Every structure is written in structure tokens, then in C-alpha cells.
N, C-alpha and C. Protein backbone atom coordinates (compact mmCIF):
# COMPACT_ATOMS: atom_id res chain seq x y z
N UNK A 1 137.35 -23.07 74.16
CA UNK A 1 136.82 -24.34 74.34
C UNK A 1 137.44 -24.95 75.47
N UNK A 2 138.91 -25.28 75.37
CA UNK A 2 139.53 -25.88 76.41
C UNK A 2 139.49 -25.12 77.77
N UNK A 3 139.46 -23.99 77.82
CA UNK A 3 139.28 -23.00 79.10
C UNK A 3 137.76 -23.27 79.72
N UNK A 4 136.76 -23.27 78.87
CA UNK A 4 135.59 -23.78 79.42
C UNK A 4 135.35 -25.15 79.86
N UNK A 5 136.04 -26.15 79.21
CA UNK A 5 136.21 -27.42 79.78
C UNK A 5 136.82 -27.51 81.15
N UNK A 6 137.94 -26.87 81.21
CA UNK A 6 138.72 -26.58 82.63
C UNK A 6 137.65 -26.12 83.68
N UNK A 7 136.93 -25.11 83.24
CA UNK A 7 136.11 -24.30 84.32
C UNK A 7 134.76 -25.24 84.67
N UNK A 8 134.16 -25.43 83.66
CA UNK A 8 132.87 -26.30 83.77
C UNK A 8 132.68 -27.79 83.59
N UNK A 9 133.85 -28.48 83.05
CA UNK A 9 133.89 -29.77 82.72
C UNK A 9 133.31 -29.86 81.24
N UNK A 10 133.48 -31.11 80.86
CA UNK A 10 133.08 -31.48 79.37
C UNK A 10 131.51 -31.60 79.28
N UNK A 11 131.01 -31.70 78.13
CA UNK A 11 129.54 -31.76 77.88
C UNK A 11 129.13 -33.17 78.30
N UNK A 12 130.16 -34.23 78.21
CA UNK A 12 129.98 -35.57 78.42
C UNK A 12 129.71 -35.74 79.82
N UNK A 13 130.55 -35.12 80.87
CA UNK A 13 130.44 -35.09 82.12
C UNK A 13 129.11 -34.48 82.66
N UNK A 14 128.63 -33.33 82.06
CA UNK A 14 127.41 -32.81 82.16
C UNK A 14 126.23 -33.82 82.03
N UNK A 15 126.40 -34.48 81.10
CA UNK A 15 125.18 -35.48 80.70
C UNK A 15 125.15 -36.55 82.00
N UNK A 16 126.46 -36.91 82.51
CA UNK A 16 126.39 -37.96 83.40
C UNK A 16 126.02 -37.55 84.89
N UNK A 17 125.87 -36.19 84.98
CA UNK A 17 125.54 -35.49 86.16
C UNK A 17 124.00 -35.32 86.29
N UNK A 18 123.20 -35.52 85.11
CA UNK A 18 121.84 -35.36 85.03
C UNK A 18 121.08 -36.02 86.12
N UNK A 19 121.43 -37.22 86.37
CA UNK A 19 120.45 -38.14 87.41
C UNK A 19 120.62 -37.35 88.86
N UNK A 20 121.69 -36.90 89.15
CA UNK A 20 122.11 -36.34 90.52
C UNK A 20 121.31 -34.87 90.59
N UNK A 21 121.47 -34.25 89.48
CA UNK A 21 120.70 -32.92 89.36
C UNK A 21 119.12 -33.19 89.47
N UNK A 22 118.70 -34.11 88.82
CA UNK A 22 117.18 -34.50 89.04
C UNK A 22 116.87 -34.94 90.39
N UNK A 23 117.67 -35.66 91.01
CA UNK A 23 117.45 -36.17 92.42
C UNK A 23 117.40 -34.92 93.38
N UNK A 24 118.54 -33.97 93.17
CA UNK A 24 118.48 -32.84 94.21
C UNK A 24 117.33 -31.82 93.73
N UNK A 25 116.96 -31.82 92.59
CA UNK A 25 115.84 -30.79 92.05
C UNK A 25 114.38 -31.30 92.92
N UNK A 26 114.30 -32.65 92.60
CA UNK A 26 112.91 -33.27 93.26
C UNK A 26 112.92 -33.17 94.79
N UNK A 27 114.02 -33.30 95.41
CA UNK A 27 114.26 -33.29 96.65
C UNK A 27 113.82 -31.84 97.41
N UNK A 28 114.40 -30.92 96.76
CA UNK A 28 114.30 -29.36 97.17
C UNK A 28 113.00 -28.78 96.77
N UNK A 29 112.59 -29.13 95.74
CA UNK A 29 111.16 -28.59 95.08
C UNK A 29 110.11 -29.68 95.08
N UNK A 30 109.24 -29.65 96.02
CA UNK A 30 108.27 -30.77 96.24
C UNK A 30 107.18 -30.65 94.82
N UNK A 31 106.77 -31.72 94.37
CA UNK A 31 105.92 -31.70 93.24
C UNK A 31 106.76 -31.62 91.89
N UNK A 32 108.01 -31.51 91.90
CA UNK A 32 108.78 -31.43 90.73
C UNK A 32 108.75 -32.95 89.96
N UNK A 33 108.46 -32.71 88.73
CA UNK A 33 108.42 -34.02 87.94
C UNK A 33 109.88 -34.06 86.87
N UNK A 34 110.58 -35.24 87.00
CA UNK A 34 111.74 -35.17 85.96
C UNK A 34 111.65 -36.62 85.44
N UNK A 35 111.97 -36.59 83.99
CA UNK A 35 111.98 -37.99 83.32
C UNK A 35 113.02 -38.00 82.33
N UNK A 36 113.92 -38.98 82.41
CA UNK A 36 114.99 -38.99 81.19
C UNK A 36 114.78 -40.39 80.62
N UNK A 37 114.91 -40.40 79.39
CA UNK A 37 114.95 -41.73 78.72
C UNK A 37 115.98 -41.97 77.86
N UNK A 38 116.71 -42.96 78.00
CA UNK A 38 117.96 -43.46 77.15
C UNK A 38 117.63 -44.63 76.31
N UNK A 39 118.53 -44.84 75.34
CA UNK A 39 118.49 -45.92 74.47
C UNK A 39 118.80 -47.08 75.15
N UNK A 40 118.78 -48.36 74.48
CA UNK A 40 119.20 -49.54 74.79
C UNK A 40 120.76 -49.61 75.46
N UNK A 41 121.53 -48.79 74.40
CA UNK A 41 123.02 -48.84 74.89
C UNK A 41 123.35 -47.56 75.59
N UNK A 42 122.30 -47.05 76.64
CA UNK A 42 122.46 -45.94 77.50
C UNK A 42 122.94 -44.65 76.90
N UNK A 43 122.51 -44.42 75.80
CA UNK A 43 122.45 -43.02 75.06
C UNK A 43 121.25 -42.08 75.34
N UNK A 44 121.67 -40.79 75.62
CA UNK A 44 120.47 -40.13 75.77
C UNK A 44 119.51 -39.77 74.53
N UNK A 45 118.25 -40.05 74.90
CA UNK A 45 117.13 -39.70 74.08
C UNK A 45 116.31 -38.66 74.23
N UNK A 46 115.75 -38.56 75.61
CA UNK A 46 114.96 -37.47 75.96
C UNK A 46 115.07 -36.94 77.34
N UNK A 47 114.54 -35.76 77.68
CA UNK A 47 114.53 -35.55 79.03
C UNK A 47 113.36 -34.48 79.11
N UNK A 48 112.84 -34.63 80.37
CA UNK A 48 111.47 -33.74 80.65
C UNK A 48 111.83 -33.24 82.27
N UNK A 49 111.34 -31.89 82.34
CA UNK A 49 111.42 -31.25 83.51
C UNK A 49 110.30 -30.33 83.78
N UNK A 50 109.46 -30.60 84.81
CA UNK A 50 108.61 -29.43 85.34
C UNK A 50 108.62 -29.13 86.81
N UNK A 51 108.99 -27.93 87.13
CA UNK A 51 109.10 -27.65 88.33
C UNK A 51 107.83 -27.45 89.24
N UNK A 52 107.67 -28.05 90.52
CA UNK A 52 106.34 -28.21 91.23
C UNK A 52 105.77 -27.02 91.30
N UNK A 53 106.47 -25.99 91.54
CA UNK A 53 105.71 -24.55 91.97
C UNK A 53 104.97 -24.09 90.67
N UNK A 54 105.73 -24.19 89.51
CA UNK A 54 105.11 -23.83 88.08
C UNK A 54 103.89 -24.53 87.91
N UNK A 55 103.93 -25.84 88.08
CA UNK A 55 102.75 -26.81 87.77
C UNK A 55 101.60 -26.46 88.71
N UNK A 56 101.83 -26.27 89.93
CA UNK A 56 100.75 -25.84 90.70
C UNK A 56 100.24 -24.32 90.41
N UNK A 57 101.10 -23.46 90.20
CA UNK A 57 100.64 -22.22 89.52
C UNK A 57 99.83 -22.35 88.41
N UNK A 58 100.15 -23.18 87.57
CA UNK A 58 99.13 -23.25 86.25
C UNK A 58 97.67 -23.99 86.59
N UNK A 59 97.80 -24.86 87.38
CA UNK A 59 96.55 -25.56 87.94
C UNK A 59 95.67 -24.70 88.66
N UNK A 60 96.18 -23.73 89.56
CA UNK A 60 95.38 -22.85 90.45
C UNK A 60 95.11 -21.44 89.86
N UNK A 61 96.04 -20.92 89.12
CA UNK A 61 96.00 -19.47 88.92
C UNK A 61 96.21 -18.96 87.47
N UNK A 62 96.43 -19.87 86.46
CA UNK A 62 96.61 -19.52 85.03
C UNK A 62 95.40 -19.96 84.27
N UNK A 63 95.19 -19.14 83.13
CA UNK A 63 94.18 -19.71 82.07
C UNK A 63 94.63 -21.25 81.69
N UNK A 64 93.45 -22.05 81.46
CA UNK A 64 93.43 -23.42 81.20
C UNK A 64 94.10 -23.63 79.82
N UNK A 65 95.08 -22.81 79.32
CA UNK A 65 95.46 -23.04 78.04
C UNK A 65 97.02 -23.11 78.13
N UNK A 66 97.58 -24.16 77.37
CA UNK A 66 98.98 -24.36 77.30
C UNK A 66 99.67 -24.14 75.91
N UNK A 67 100.60 -23.25 75.84
CA UNK A 67 101.12 -22.70 74.49
C UNK A 67 102.47 -23.64 74.41
N UNK A 68 102.62 -24.42 73.32
CA UNK A 68 104.10 -25.20 73.07
C UNK A 68 104.60 -24.63 71.94
N UNK A 69 105.82 -24.85 72.00
CA UNK A 69 106.91 -24.64 70.89
C UNK A 69 108.23 -25.39 71.11
N UNK A 70 108.83 -25.43 70.07
CA UNK A 70 110.12 -26.17 69.97
C UNK A 70 111.23 -25.29 69.31
N UNK A 71 112.31 -25.45 69.85
CA UNK A 71 113.47 -24.61 69.29
C UNK A 71 114.90 -25.47 69.09
N UNK A 72 115.35 -25.44 67.91
CA UNK A 72 116.46 -26.27 67.55
C UNK A 72 117.80 -25.77 68.34
N UNK A 73 118.44 -26.69 68.75
CA UNK A 73 119.84 -26.42 69.46
C UNK A 73 120.84 -26.52 68.62
N UNK A 74 121.76 -25.62 68.65
CA UNK A 74 122.91 -25.49 67.95
C UNK A 74 124.12 -25.49 68.64
N UNK A 75 124.77 -26.66 68.85
CA UNK A 75 125.99 -27.00 69.62
C UNK A 75 126.50 -28.19 69.16
N UNK A 76 127.50 -28.66 70.16
CA UNK A 76 128.10 -29.91 69.60
C UNK A 76 127.17 -31.09 69.48
N UNK A 77 126.11 -31.18 70.66
CA UNK A 77 125.24 -32.08 70.43
C UNK A 77 123.83 -31.56 69.96
N UNK A 78 123.39 -31.54 68.69
CA UNK A 78 122.19 -31.03 68.23
C UNK A 78 121.06 -31.65 68.72
N UNK A 79 119.90 -30.85 68.74
CA UNK A 79 118.76 -31.45 69.13
C UNK A 79 117.59 -30.49 69.05
N UNK A 80 116.66 -30.72 69.88
CA UNK A 80 115.39 -29.81 69.96
C UNK A 80 114.89 -29.41 71.52
N UNK A 81 114.84 -28.24 71.82
CA UNK A 81 114.10 -28.04 73.13
C UNK A 81 112.68 -27.88 73.01
N UNK A 82 111.88 -28.66 73.93
CA UNK A 82 110.52 -28.46 73.89
C UNK A 82 110.20 -27.58 75.11
N UNK A 83 108.97 -26.72 74.87
CA UNK A 83 108.79 -25.70 75.88
C UNK A 83 107.20 -25.79 76.12
N UNK A 84 106.57 -25.76 77.17
CA UNK A 84 105.19 -25.55 77.56
C UNK A 84 105.04 -24.39 78.50
N UNK A 85 104.26 -23.41 78.15
CA UNK A 85 104.09 -22.25 79.06
C UNK A 85 102.56 -21.99 79.09
N UNK A 86 102.34 -21.41 80.26
CA UNK A 86 101.02 -20.87 80.55
C UNK A 86 100.94 -19.37 80.45
N UNK A 87 99.40 -18.91 80.53
CA UNK A 87 99.44 -17.45 80.53
C UNK A 87 98.28 -17.04 81.35
N UNK A 88 98.61 -15.74 82.26
CA UNK A 88 97.77 -15.35 83.37
C UNK A 88 96.99 -14.29 82.59
N UNK A 89 96.05 -13.81 83.65
CA UNK A 89 95.04 -12.84 83.03
C UNK A 89 95.64 -11.58 82.52
N UNK A 90 97.02 -11.32 82.86
CA UNK A 90 97.57 -10.14 82.25
C UNK A 90 98.42 -10.34 81.02
N UNK A 91 98.19 -11.52 80.41
CA UNK A 91 98.96 -12.32 79.35
C UNK A 91 100.44 -12.23 79.60
N UNK A 92 100.63 -12.27 80.81
CA UNK A 92 102.01 -12.79 81.06
C UNK A 92 102.47 -14.33 81.05
N UNK A 93 103.65 -14.71 80.66
CA UNK A 93 103.56 -16.12 80.48
C UNK A 93 104.55 -16.68 81.61
N UNK A 94 104.38 -18.00 81.86
CA UNK A 94 105.04 -18.69 83.03
C UNK A 94 105.48 -20.12 82.45
N UNK A 95 106.68 -20.40 82.32
CA UNK A 95 107.19 -21.78 81.74
C UNK A 95 106.58 -22.75 82.76
N UNK A 96 105.85 -23.78 82.24
CA UNK A 96 105.24 -25.07 83.12
C UNK A 96 106.36 -26.13 82.85
N UNK A 97 107.02 -26.20 81.86
CA UNK A 97 107.84 -27.57 81.71
C UNK A 97 108.55 -27.42 80.43
N UNK A 98 110.05 -27.97 80.35
CA UNK A 98 110.53 -28.12 79.29
C UNK A 98 111.19 -29.41 79.09
N UNK A 99 111.73 -29.66 77.87
CA UNK A 99 112.46 -31.02 77.73
C UNK A 99 113.43 -30.74 76.54
N UNK A 100 114.00 -31.76 76.26
CA UNK A 100 115.10 -31.82 75.23
C UNK A 100 114.94 -33.37 74.54
N UNK A 101 115.10 -33.28 73.29
CA UNK A 101 115.10 -34.42 72.42
C UNK A 101 116.13 -34.46 71.23
N UNK A 102 116.48 -35.39 70.68
CA UNK A 102 117.27 -35.59 69.61
C UNK A 102 116.92 -35.09 68.46
N UNK A 103 115.49 -34.98 68.15
CA UNK A 103 114.88 -34.41 66.81
C UNK A 103 113.57 -33.95 67.26
N UNK A 104 112.94 -32.77 66.48
CA UNK A 104 111.66 -32.69 66.39
C UNK A 104 110.85 -33.61 65.55
N UNK A 105 110.25 -34.67 66.12
CA UNK A 105 109.47 -35.51 65.45
C UNK A 105 108.24 -35.78 66.14
N UNK A 106 107.42 -36.45 65.51
CA UNK A 106 105.89 -36.82 66.07
C UNK A 106 106.12 -37.66 67.41
N UNK A 107 107.17 -38.57 67.36
CA UNK A 107 107.59 -39.39 68.47
C UNK A 107 108.01 -38.55 69.58
N UNK A 108 108.83 -37.65 69.39
CA UNK A 108 109.46 -36.49 70.58
C UNK A 108 108.36 -35.72 71.13
N UNK A 109 107.71 -35.25 70.20
CA UNK A 109 106.33 -34.45 70.77
C UNK A 109 105.51 -35.38 71.70
N UNK A 110 105.16 -36.35 71.12
CA UNK A 110 104.22 -37.37 71.88
C UNK A 110 104.84 -37.70 73.30
N UNK A 111 106.22 -37.93 73.41
CA UNK A 111 106.83 -38.33 74.65
C UNK A 111 106.71 -37.11 75.44
N UNK A 112 106.97 -35.99 74.99
CA UNK A 112 107.00 -34.70 75.75
C UNK A 112 105.70 -34.48 76.35
N UNK A 113 104.63 -34.46 75.35
CA UNK A 113 103.19 -34.16 75.84
C UNK A 113 102.71 -35.09 76.76
N UNK A 114 103.06 -36.38 76.73
CA UNK A 114 102.53 -37.37 77.72
C UNK A 114 102.96 -37.30 78.95
N UNK A 115 104.44 -36.67 79.07
CA UNK A 115 104.90 -36.44 80.44
C UNK A 115 104.23 -35.13 81.11
N UNK A 116 103.91 -34.31 80.06
CA UNK A 116 103.25 -33.09 80.52
C UNK A 116 101.84 -33.30 81.16
N UNK A 117 101.30 -34.21 80.35
CA UNK A 117 99.81 -34.65 80.81
C UNK A 117 99.99 -35.36 82.07
N UNK A 118 101.00 -36.26 82.38
CA UNK A 118 101.11 -36.96 83.67
C UNK A 118 101.22 -35.93 84.86
N UNK A 119 101.99 -35.00 84.53
CA UNK A 119 102.33 -34.16 85.82
C UNK A 119 101.05 -33.00 85.91
N UNK A 120 100.41 -32.70 84.92
CA UNK A 120 99.30 -31.65 85.26
C UNK A 120 97.96 -32.35 85.62
N UNK A 121 97.88 -33.51 84.98
CA UNK A 121 96.58 -34.24 85.17
C UNK A 121 95.45 -33.72 84.56
N UNK A 122 94.15 -34.12 84.82
CA UNK A 122 93.02 -33.61 84.11
C UNK A 122 92.50 -32.38 84.64
N UNK A 123 92.36 -31.33 84.02
CA UNK A 123 91.63 -30.01 84.33
C UNK A 123 90.23 -30.01 84.13
N UNK A 124 89.52 -29.71 85.38
CA UNK A 124 88.06 -29.71 85.09
C UNK A 124 87.51 -28.84 84.14
N UNK A 125 87.93 -27.80 83.78
CA UNK A 125 87.49 -26.77 82.78
C UNK A 125 88.07 -27.08 81.50
């Protein structure tokens, strides 16, 4: 763990770099949507990311069905990763968006799906 901290930095430093990562991601990938929510005392609550090209691919080329799932994270900071994927005509999947929250709860799913709805918009079909 000590060697990894020297090589990559600490987990706390990684959380502090998230806003810069979001900024660069949105600048280099048009249409990318990122959100991060923190508590009143500036502690991490949720984050959401959808890369612009995958959102456009879903809107233009994939079946109008979204498959969602959550996976529990097992590390120093526990949480849940939320994932939304689309499926094409050959039953191949494409990740549309993902996020991380502290727990898998109704509140965190509502937050994730609300951000997803904002970036995809209404689909005519």
C-alpha cells in the first residue's frame, strides 16, 4: 500500500483531483456530462459521468432500452457503483453512464437516474 501511495498518490488526493478531471473530460469530449454532489461539510456523496459520444450513440444508434445495475465497491471507502448501458441490434452493450454513491438506496438511485434523464432527454419512441 505504501508503494502504491508513492506511485499514484493517496485516495484522498484522488478525490481532490476529481473536479480537474471533470473539467478536462468535458473540454476534450463534447457533450460529456459530469456531476458531483458533496455534503454540507464538503464530503463526497455522489458522482455521475456520461461521455458525450456514448450518449449520442444511444440516442441515434441503439435500441431505446436502458439496462441499469449497481455493484458494491470493496476498498477503503465503501460505496456503490451505478451503471447504465444500452444494447445494439447485435445484443452488444455500450456503457452510457456510470456513477458512484455512498450506499445503494432509493435516494442514490433517484439521483443517478435523474442525472441520466437530464443528459439523454426525452426519446420520441
